Amino acid sequence: MTTKYSNQFEKIFYITRFFSAICGADVIKENYHMTWLTWSLIGLVNGAILFTFYSMYVGVAINNDWSEILKCLCMFCTGIQAYAKLINAIYSCRVFNSISEEIFSLYTVYEQRNKHYRKLLQESISLIKKLMSILTGSVVLVFFTIIGTPVFYILVFKERIFIMPFFFPYIDYNTDFGYYFTSAFHVVCVFFGAFGNYVSDSWCFVFAAHIPLVKNILQAKFNEMDELLLENPQKANEIKVLLKDIFQWHQKYSDFCKSVKNLFFWVIFVQVAMEFVSIVCTIVCIFLRIWPAAPAFLLYSFLLFYSYSGLGNLVEIANDDVISMIYASCWYKLNVSQQKMILIMLRESQQAEGMSIGGVAPLSLSTALQLTKTIYTFSMMFREFLN
């Protein structure tokens, strides 16, 4: 019996759609429209940002505590990321729906093919499961660590600390009501911030992780044509059909890459820029020992930072593999008109662009390494300044 890889993919994807529905942003749904949940989430994010600026003002202008800015910026950057991802999802809901349907149809069609194609689908499902497990585990870990740290301090040290570094005006948080009311709002913000970001991040990972699958299917098609050319080059009609299929699939690969790249272009820019600021501030908070949950948040930030960079490398490797497979094919056994088709594919493949950070720098692990060195430099500078 043929394994239903399409059902496996649907089950994995359902987890992200569940959390997106809670946030009122299930843009994968046909005829999606904004609901009261969506507007409530937008209001929540706006409120968190507004109260963060208020807390910065109180910390610097009234309490003369410059370190308050560092704690506020850590969570503020996460809020900006969530805002950018929510706006992008709502604005590009049709593109999200189109790409998800395209991926699902890919599984539906090729799970009916021979074992070579089914093996590629199995490898893709395995990769998606690993990515989702890492992302889900990190989000759950940081969520429970951040909301659990104040509970730990109350039980062990009999000390009240807050989950997030922003407060409401005209509320005395030294009272029981003020403390629990503020903490409850913090829990709501952390939940929607963590799992709202998780939805967009998981969709970006899932979509980009299928670029290698489309590339591998193209390789399988090339292998079929090469086998036919080596066994019986006289079967001109069959070769013509296979080459036409390869040409069309290569165009599909190019279009799929461009769609994913354009869909997350600004999201990646905001993500990397805000992660940079957030990591620097979190490291300094650890040096100054002013935020107990900072180590867990730092681990999550770095994990997400390098995960996004790894996706960029994944796309770069796929583009290089396409060039190599075209070179390595038995193109020399084709006639002149067919060789021109191969030449067109080769030229387009050499001009393919990978994912980037707002068009400023390529999204890759090498770029992440350079940014990590810059993060270290800025962290040391801020530490010396605040000391």
Protein backbone atom coordinates (compact mmCIF):
# COMPACT_ATOMS: atom_id res chain seq x y z
CA MET A 1 0.00 0.00 0.00
CA THR A 2 1.30 3.47 -0.93
CA THR A 3 2.32 5.60 2.05
CA LYS A 4 0.24 8.76 2.27
CA TYR A 5 2.99 11.35 2.71
CA SER A 6 0.42 14.04 1.97
CA ASN A 7 -1.46 13.02 5.13
CA GLN A 8 1.75 13.12 7.16
CA PHE A 9 2.51 16.60 5.92
CA GLU A 10 -1.03 17.73 6.67
CA LYS A 11 -0.79 16.44 10.24
CA ILE A 12 2.50 18.27 10.81
CA PHE A 13 1.16 21.46 9.28
CA TYR A 14 -2.03 21.26 11.38
CA ILE A 15 -0.02 22.06 14.54
CA THR A 16 1.01 25.46 13.20
CA ARG A 17 -2.46 26.16 11.85
CA PHE A 18 -3.90 25.43 15.30
CA PHE A 19 -1.81 28.18 16.91
CA SER A 20 -2.42 30.54 13.98
CA ALA A 21 -6.19 30.09 14.47
CA ILE A 22 -5.80 31.00 18.17
CA CYS A 23 -4.11 34.21 17.05
CA GLY A 24 -6.81 34.87 14.44
CA ALA A 25 -4.23 34.59 11.66
CA ASP A 26 -4.93 31.28 9.93
CA VAL A 27 -4.12 32.80 6.54
CA ILE A 28 -3.79 29.34 4.98
CA LYS A 29 -7.57 29.06 5.19
CA GLU A 30 -9.45 29.83 1.98
CA ASN A 31 -11.26 33.17 1.93
CA TYR A 32 -9.43 34.25 5.09
CA HIS A 33 -10.58 37.50 6.67
CA MET A 34 -9.59 39.30 9.85
CA THR A 35 -11.69 38.51 12.94
CA TRP A 36 -12.03 39.99 16.41
CA LEU A 37 -9.17 37.71 17.49
CA THR A 38 -6.90 39.32 14.91
CA TRP A 39 -7.79 42.84 16.02
CA SER A 40 -7.41 41.83 19.67
CA LEU A 41 -3.90 40.53 18.96
CA ILE A 42 -2.99 43.74 17.13
CA GLY A 43 -4.28 45.72 20.10
CA LEU A 44 -2.28 43.53 22.48
CA VAL A 45 0.95 44.10 20.55
CA ASN A 46 0.32 47.86 20.34
CA GLY A 47 -0.37 47.96 24.07
CA ALA A 48 2.79 46.03 24.91
CA ILE A 49 4.90 48.35 22.74
CA LEU A 50 3.29 51.46 24.28
CA PHE A 51 3.80 50.24 27.85
CA THR A 52 7.40 49.29 27.02
CA PHE A 53 8.17 52.87 25.98
CA TYR A 54 6.45 54.08 29.15
CA SER A 55 8.63 51.75 31.25
CA MET A 56 11.75 53.02 29.48
CA TYR A 57 10.76 56.59 30.32
CA VAL A 58 10.12 55.76 33.96
CA GLY A 59 13.36 53.81 34.26
CA VAL A 60 15.58 56.51 32.75
CA ALA A 61 13.85 59.83 33.51
CA ILE A 62 12.49 59.04 36.98
CA ASN A 63 14.59 56.22 38.41
CA ASN A 64 17.79 57.18 36.53
CA ASP A 65 18.36 53.50 35.67
CA TRP A 66 19.78 53.12 32.16
CA SER A 67 19.82 49.34 32.44
CA GLU A 68 16.01 49.39 32.24
CA ILE A 69 16.33 50.17 28.52
CA LEU A 70 18.24 46.92 27.98
CA LYS A 71 15.57 44.77 29.61
CA CYS A 72 12.80 46.56 27.71
CA LEU A 73 14.57 46.23 24.36
CA CYS A 74 14.87 42.44 24.71
CA MET A 75 11.10 41.95 24.71
CA PHE A 76 10.44 44.99 22.52
CA CYS A 77 12.43 43.40 19.66
CA THR A 78 10.38 40.22 19.96
CA GLY A 79 7.19 42.28 19.74
CA ILE A 80 8.41 44.04 16.58
CA GLN A 81 9.19 40.65 15.02
CA ALA A 82 5.70 39.40 15.84
CA TYR A 83 4.14 42.57 14.44
CA ALA A 84 6.08 42.29 11.17
CA LYS A 85 5.17 38.62 10.77
CA LEU A 86 1.48 39.24 11.50
CA ILE A 87 1.25 42.09 8.98
CA ASN A 88 3.11 40.04 6.37
CA ALA A 89 0.79 37.07 6.90
CA ILE A 90 -2.37 39.18 6.57
CA TYR A 91 -1.09 41.13 3.58
CA SER A 92 0.17 38.00 1.75
CA CYS A 93 -2.56 35.55 2.80
CA ARG A 94 -3.22 34.47 -0.80
CA VAL A 95 0.46 33.70 -1.35
CA PHE A 96 0.59 31.64 1.85
CA ASN A 97 -2.45 29.69 0.71
CA SER A 98 -1.06 29.19 -2.80
CA ILE A 99 2.33 27.88 -1.63
CA SER A 100 0.79 25.52 0.95
CA GLU A 101 -1.56 24.09 -1.68
CA GLU A 102 1.35 23.70 -4.09
CA ILE A 103 3.35 21.74 -1.53
CA PHE A 104 0.37 19.56 -0.65
CA SER A 105 -0.30 18.77 -4.33
CA LEU A 106 3.37 17.91 -4.73
CA TYR A 107 3.03 15.19 -2.09
CA THR A 108 -0.30 14.04 -3.53
CA VAL A 109 1.11 13.58 -7.04
CA TYR A 110 4.54 12.10 -6.31
CA GLU A 111 3.48 9.67 -3.60
CA GLN A 112 1.83 7.77 -6.47
CA ARG A 113 5.11 7.49 -8.41
CA ASN A 114 7.91 4.92 -8.11
CA LYS A 115 9.98 4.23 -5.00
CA HIS A 116 12.69 6.78 -5.92
CA TYR A 117 10.22 9.66 -5.71
CA ARG A 118 8.60 8.25 -2.56
CA LYS A 119 12.02 8.08 -0.94
CA LEU A 120 12.51 11.79 -1.65
CA LEU A 121 9.13 12.56 -0.04
CA GLN A 122 10.07 10.49 2.99
CA GLU A 123 13.35 12.39 3.38
CA SER A 124 11.49 15.67 3.11
CA ILE A 125 8.96 14.67 5.79
CA SER A 126 11.84 13.58 8.02
CA LEU A 127 13.56 16.97 7.59
CA ILE A 128 10.32 18.84 8.34
CA LYS A 129 9.77 16.79 11.50
CA LYS A 130 13.29 17.57 12.74
CA LEU A 131 12.92 21.29 12.08
CA MET A 132 9.51 21.41 13.72
CA SER A 133 10.73 19.45 16.75
CA ILE A 134 13.67 21.82 17.29
CA LEU A 135 11.53 24.93 16.85
CA THR A 136 8.64 23.65 18.99
CA GLY A 137 10.96 22.46 21.74
CA SER A 138 12.82 25.77 21.89
CA VAL A 139 9.58 27.81 22.00
CA VAL A 140 8.06 25.65 24.75
CA LEU A 141 11.33 25.77 26.73
CA VAL A 142 11.67 29.55 26.63
CA PHE A 143 7.94 30.04 27.35
CA PHE A 144 7.93 27.95 30.53
CA THR A 145 11.32 29.28 31.62
CA ILE A 146 10.27 32.91 31.33
CA ILE A 147 6.93 32.47 33.11
CA GLY A 148 8.39 29.96 35.59
CA THR A 149 11.27 32.13 36.81
CA PRO A 150 9.04 34.50 38.89
CA VAL A 151 7.29 31.48 40.43
CA PHE A 152 10.68 30.02 41.35
CA TYR A 153 11.78 33.29 42.96
CA ILE A 154 8.58 33.49 45.01
CA LEU A 155 8.86 29.90 46.25
CA VAL A 156 12.61 29.86 46.92
CA PHE A 157 13.70 33.44 47.64
CA LYS A 158 10.32 34.86 48.73
CA GLU A 159 10.93 37.68 46.25
CA ARG A 160 8.56 39.09 43.67
CA ILE A 161 9.98 39.66 40.21
CA PHE A 162 8.16 40.31 36.96
CA ILE A 163 8.03 38.20 33.80
CA MET A 164 8.45 41.16 31.45
CA PRO A 165 10.08 44.55 32.09
CA PHE A 166 7.11 46.81 31.32
CA PHE A 167 4.42 48.17 33.60
CA PHE A 168 1.10 50.03 33.52
CA PRO A 169 0.83 53.69 34.49
CA TYR A 170 -1.16 54.57 37.62
CA ILE A 171 -1.00 51.00 38.95
CA ASP A 172 1.03 50.29 42.08
CA TYR A 173 2.68 46.98 41.28
CA ASN A 174 3.95 46.71 44.86
CA THR A 175 0.42 45.74 45.95
CA ASP A 176 -1.01 42.24 45.49
CA PHE A 177 -3.53 43.42 42.92
CA GLY A 178 -0.94 45.41 40.95
CA TYR A 179 1.55 42.55 40.94
CA TYR A 180 -0.84 39.78 39.89
CA PHE A 181 -2.68 41.97 37.38
CA THR A 182 0.59 42.98 35.71
CA SER A 183 1.93 39.41 35.81
CA ALA A 184 -1.26 38.06 34.20
CA PHE A 185 -0.93 40.55 31.35
CA HIS A 186 2.73 39.54 30.98
CA VAL A 187 1.76 35.86 30.69
CA VAL A 188 -0.74 36.67 27.93
CA CYS A 189 1.90 38.71 26.06
CA VAL A 190 4.52 35.97 26.37
CA PHE A 191 2.07 33.31 25.16
CA PHE A 192 0.94 35.18 22.07
CA GLY A 193 4.45 36.52 21.44
CA ALA A 194 6.09 33.10 21.66
CA PHE A 195 3.52 31.07 19.74
CA GLY A 196 2.66 33.89 17.32
CA ASN A 197 6.31 34.06 16.31
CA TYR A 198 6.38 30.26 16.26
CA VAL A 199 3.64 30.10 13.61
CA SER A 200 5.42 32.41 11.17
CA ASP A 201 8.83 30.87 11.85
CA SER A 202 7.51 27.35 11.29
CA TRP A 203 5.84 28.35 8.01
CA CYS A 204 9.07 29.94 6.82
CA PHE A 205 11.02 26.81 7.75
CA VAL A 206 8.48 24.45 6.17
CA PHE A 207 8.25 26.40 2.91
CA ALA A 208 12.00 26.91 2.54
CA ALA A 209 12.74 23.29 3.50
CA HIS A 210 10.74 22.13 0.45
CA ILE A 211 13.12 23.87 -1.94
CA PRO A 212 15.55 20.91 -1.65
CA LEU A 213 12.63 18.54 -2.31
CA VAL A 214 11.71 20.32 -5.55
CA LYS A 215 15.41 20.24 -6.46
CA ASN A 216 15.69 16.52 -5.68
CA ILE A 217 12.67 15.76 -7.86
CA LEU A 218 14.38 17.66 -10.67
CA GLN A 219 17.46 15.49 -10.13
CA ALA A 220 15.33 12.34 -10.33
CA LYS A 221 13.87 13.52 -13.63
CA PHE A 222 17.36 14.15 -14.98
CA ASN A 223 18.38 10.64 -13.89
CA GLU A 224 15.45 9.14 -15.78
CA MET A 225 16.43 10.99 -18.94
CA ASP A 226 20.10 10.05 -18.59
CA GLU A 227 19.22 6.37 -18.19
CA LEU A 228 17.10 6.47 -21.33
CA LEU A 229 19.82 8.29 -23.30
CA LEU A 230 22.44 5.73 -22.28
CA GLU A 231 20.22 2.69 -22.88
CA ASN A 232 18.40 3.69 -26.05
CA PRO A 233 19.17 7.15 -27.47
CA GLN A 234 16.96 6.36 -30.49
CA LYS A 235 13.74 6.84 -28.51
CA ALA A 236 13.40 10.44 -29.61
CA ASN A 237 9.75 10.86 -28.59
CA GLU A 238 10.25 9.63 -25.04
CA ILE A 239 13.37 11.78 -24.65
CA LYS A 240 11.49 14.79 -25.95
CA VAL A 241 8.69 14.25 -23.40
CA LEU A 242 11.16 13.82 -20.52
CA LEU A 243 13.16 16.91 -21.52
CA LYS A 244 10.00 18.99 -21.75
CA ASP A 245 8.99 17.78 -18.28
CA ILE A 246 12.45 18.68 -16.94
CA PHE A 247 12.31 22.12 -18.53
CA GLN A 248 8.91 22.82 -16.99
CA TRP A 249 9.96 21.48 -13.59
CA HIS A 250 13.08 23.66 -13.61
CA GLN A 251 10.85 26.66 -14.21
CA LYS A 252 8.64 25.48 -11.34
CA TYR A 253 11.73 25.25 -9.12
CA SER A 254 12.76 28.82 -10.02
CA ASP A 255 9.25 30.16 -9.41
CA PHE A 256 8.94 28.31 -6.09
CA CYS A 257 12.28 29.74 -4.87
CA LYS A 258 11.28 33.27 -5.87
CA SER A 259 7.88 32.93 -4.19
CA VAL A 260 9.39 31.81 -0.87
CA LYS A 261 12.12 34.44 -1.05
CA ASN A 262 9.71 37.30 -1.79
CA LEU A 263 7.17 36.11 0.77
CA PHE A 264 9.64 36.30 3.68
CA PHE A 265 11.93 39.05 2.33
CA TRP A 266 11.04 41.75 4.88
CA VAL A 267 10.27 39.26 7.63
CA ILE A 268 13.84 37.93 7.47
CA PHE A 269 15.25 41.46 7.50
CA VAL A 270 13.25 42.44 10.58
CA GLN A 271 13.96 39.07 12.22
CA VAL A 272 17.75 39.28 11.87
CA ALA A 273 17.93 43.00 12.73
CA MET A 274 15.80 42.62 15.86
CA GLU A 275 17.58 39.43 16.91
CA PHE A 276 20.89 41.31 16.66
CA VAL A 277 19.67 44.06 19.01
CA SER A 278 17.92 41.59 21.31
CA ILE A 279 20.96 39.31 21.67
CA VAL A 280 23.26 42.23 22.49
CA CYS A 281 20.87 43.54 25.14
CA THR A 282 20.29 40.07 26.61
CA ILE A 283 24.03 39.39 26.91
CA VAL A 284 24.56 42.68 28.74
CA CYS A 285 21.61 41.85 31.02
CA ILE A 286 23.38 38.61 31.92
CA PHE A 287 26.60 40.50 32.68
CA LEU A 288 24.75 42.94 34.93
CA ARG A 289 22.55 40.21 36.48
CA ILE A 290 19.37 42.25 36.07
CA TRP A 291 17.15 39.66 34.33
CA PRO A 292 17.05 36.10 35.76
CA ALA A 293 15.40 34.57 32.65
CA ALA A 294 17.97 36.11 30.29
CA PRO A 295 20.04 32.90 29.69
CA ALA A 296 17.01 30.96 28.39
CA PHE A 297 15.94 33.87 26.20
CA LEU A 298 19.49 34.19 24.85
CA LEU A 299 19.59 30.49 23.96
CA TYR A 300 16.28 30.80 22.12
CA SER A 301 17.41 33.95 20.26
CA PHE A 302 20.68 32.39 19.11
CA LEU A 303 18.93 29.17 18.08
CA LEU A 304 16.43 31.08 15.97
CA PHE A 305 19.15 33.35 14.59
CA TYR A 306 21.24 30.43 13.33
CA SER A 307 18.19 28.47 12.18
CA TYR A 308 17.22 31.27 9.82
CA SER A 309 20.82 31.50 8.62
CA GLY A 310 20.84 27.75 8.05
CA LEU A 311 17.76 28.08 5.82
CA GLY A 312 19.68 30.52 3.66
CA ASN A 313 22.50 27.99 3.34
CA LEU A 314 19.95 25.32 2.43
CA VAL A 315 18.72 27.41 -0.50
CA GLU A 316 22.27 28.25 -1.61
CA ILE A 317 23.24 24.57 -1.66
CA ALA A 318 20.08 23.70 -3.62
CA ASN A 319 20.88 26.35 -6.26
CA ASP A 320 24.45 25.08 -6.59
CA ASP A 321 23.19 21.50 -6.90
CA VAL A 322 20.89 22.49 -9.78
CA ILE A 323 23.85 23.92 -11.70
CA SER A 324 25.88 20.77 -11.05
CA MET A 325 23.11 18.39 -12.13
CA ILE A 326 22.65 20.26 -15.41
CA TYR A 327 26.39 20.07 -16.11
CA ALA A 328 26.52 16.40 -15.14
CA SER A 329 23.57 15.35 -17.32
CA CYS A 330 24.02 13.56 -20.64
CA TRP A 331 23.22 16.74 -22.59
CA TYR A 332 25.84 15.85 -25.21
CA LYS A 333 23.62 13.00 -26.42
CA LEU A 334 20.75 15.36 -27.22
CA ASN A 335 20.21 17.04 -30.57
CA VAL A 336 21.01 20.73 -31.11
CA SER A 337 17.53 22.11 -30.37
CA GLN A 338 17.33 20.06 -27.16
CA GLN A 339 20.80 21.22 -26.11
CA LYS A 340 19.57 24.81 -26.41
CA MET A 341 16.89 24.00 -23.83
CA ILE A 342 19.62 22.72 -21.50
CA LEU A 343 21.60 25.92 -22.14
CA ILE A 344 18.60 28.07 -21.17
CA MET A 345 18.19 26.16 -17.90
CA LEU A 346 21.91 26.47 -17.16
CA ARG A 347 21.90 30.21 -17.77
CA GLU A 348 18.87 30.75 -15.52
CA SER A 349 20.39 28.56 -12.79
CA GLN A 350 23.62 30.55 -12.77
CA GLN A 351 21.64 33.77 -12.28
CA ALA A 352 19.56 32.41 -9.40
CA GLU A 353 19.74 34.37 -6.16
CA GLY A 354 19.45 32.95 -2.69
CA MET A 355 17.68 34.39 0.34
CA SER A 356 19.02 37.65 1.72
CA ILE A 357 18.78 39.95 4.73
CA GLY A 358 16.79 42.77 3.15
CA GLY A 359 19.03 42.67 0.08
CA VAL A 360 21.94 43.95 2.20
CA ALA A 361 23.75 40.65 2.80
CA PRO A 362 23.14 36.99 1.90
CA LEU A 363 21.31 34.92 4.49
CA SER A 364 23.92 32.28 5.31
CA LEU A 365 25.91 30.80 8.17
CA SER A 366 28.99 32.81 7.13
CA THR A 367 26.97 36.02 7.50
CA ALA A 368 25.70 34.77 10.86
CA LEU A 369 29.28 34.19 11.99
CA GLN A 370 30.27 37.76 11.04
CA LEU A 371 27.24 39.13 12.89
CA THR A 372 28.10 37.01 15.94
CA LYS A 373 31.55 38.64 16.07
CA THR A 374 29.89 42.06 15.85
CA ILE A 375 27.45 41.08 18.61
CA TYR A 376 30.37 40.17 20.88
CA THR A 377 32.08 43.51 20.18
CA PHE A 378 28.96 45.56 20.91
CA SER A 379 28.22 43.54 24.06
CA MET A 380 31.67 44.26 25.49
CA MET A 381 31.34 47.96 24.63
CA PHE A 382 27.96 48.23 26.40
CA ARG A 383 29.27 46.32 29.40
CA GLU A 384 32.17 48.70 29.83
CA PHE A 385 29.91 51.72 29.32
CA LEU A 386 27.37 50.63 31.94
CA ASN A 387 30.07 49.65 34.43
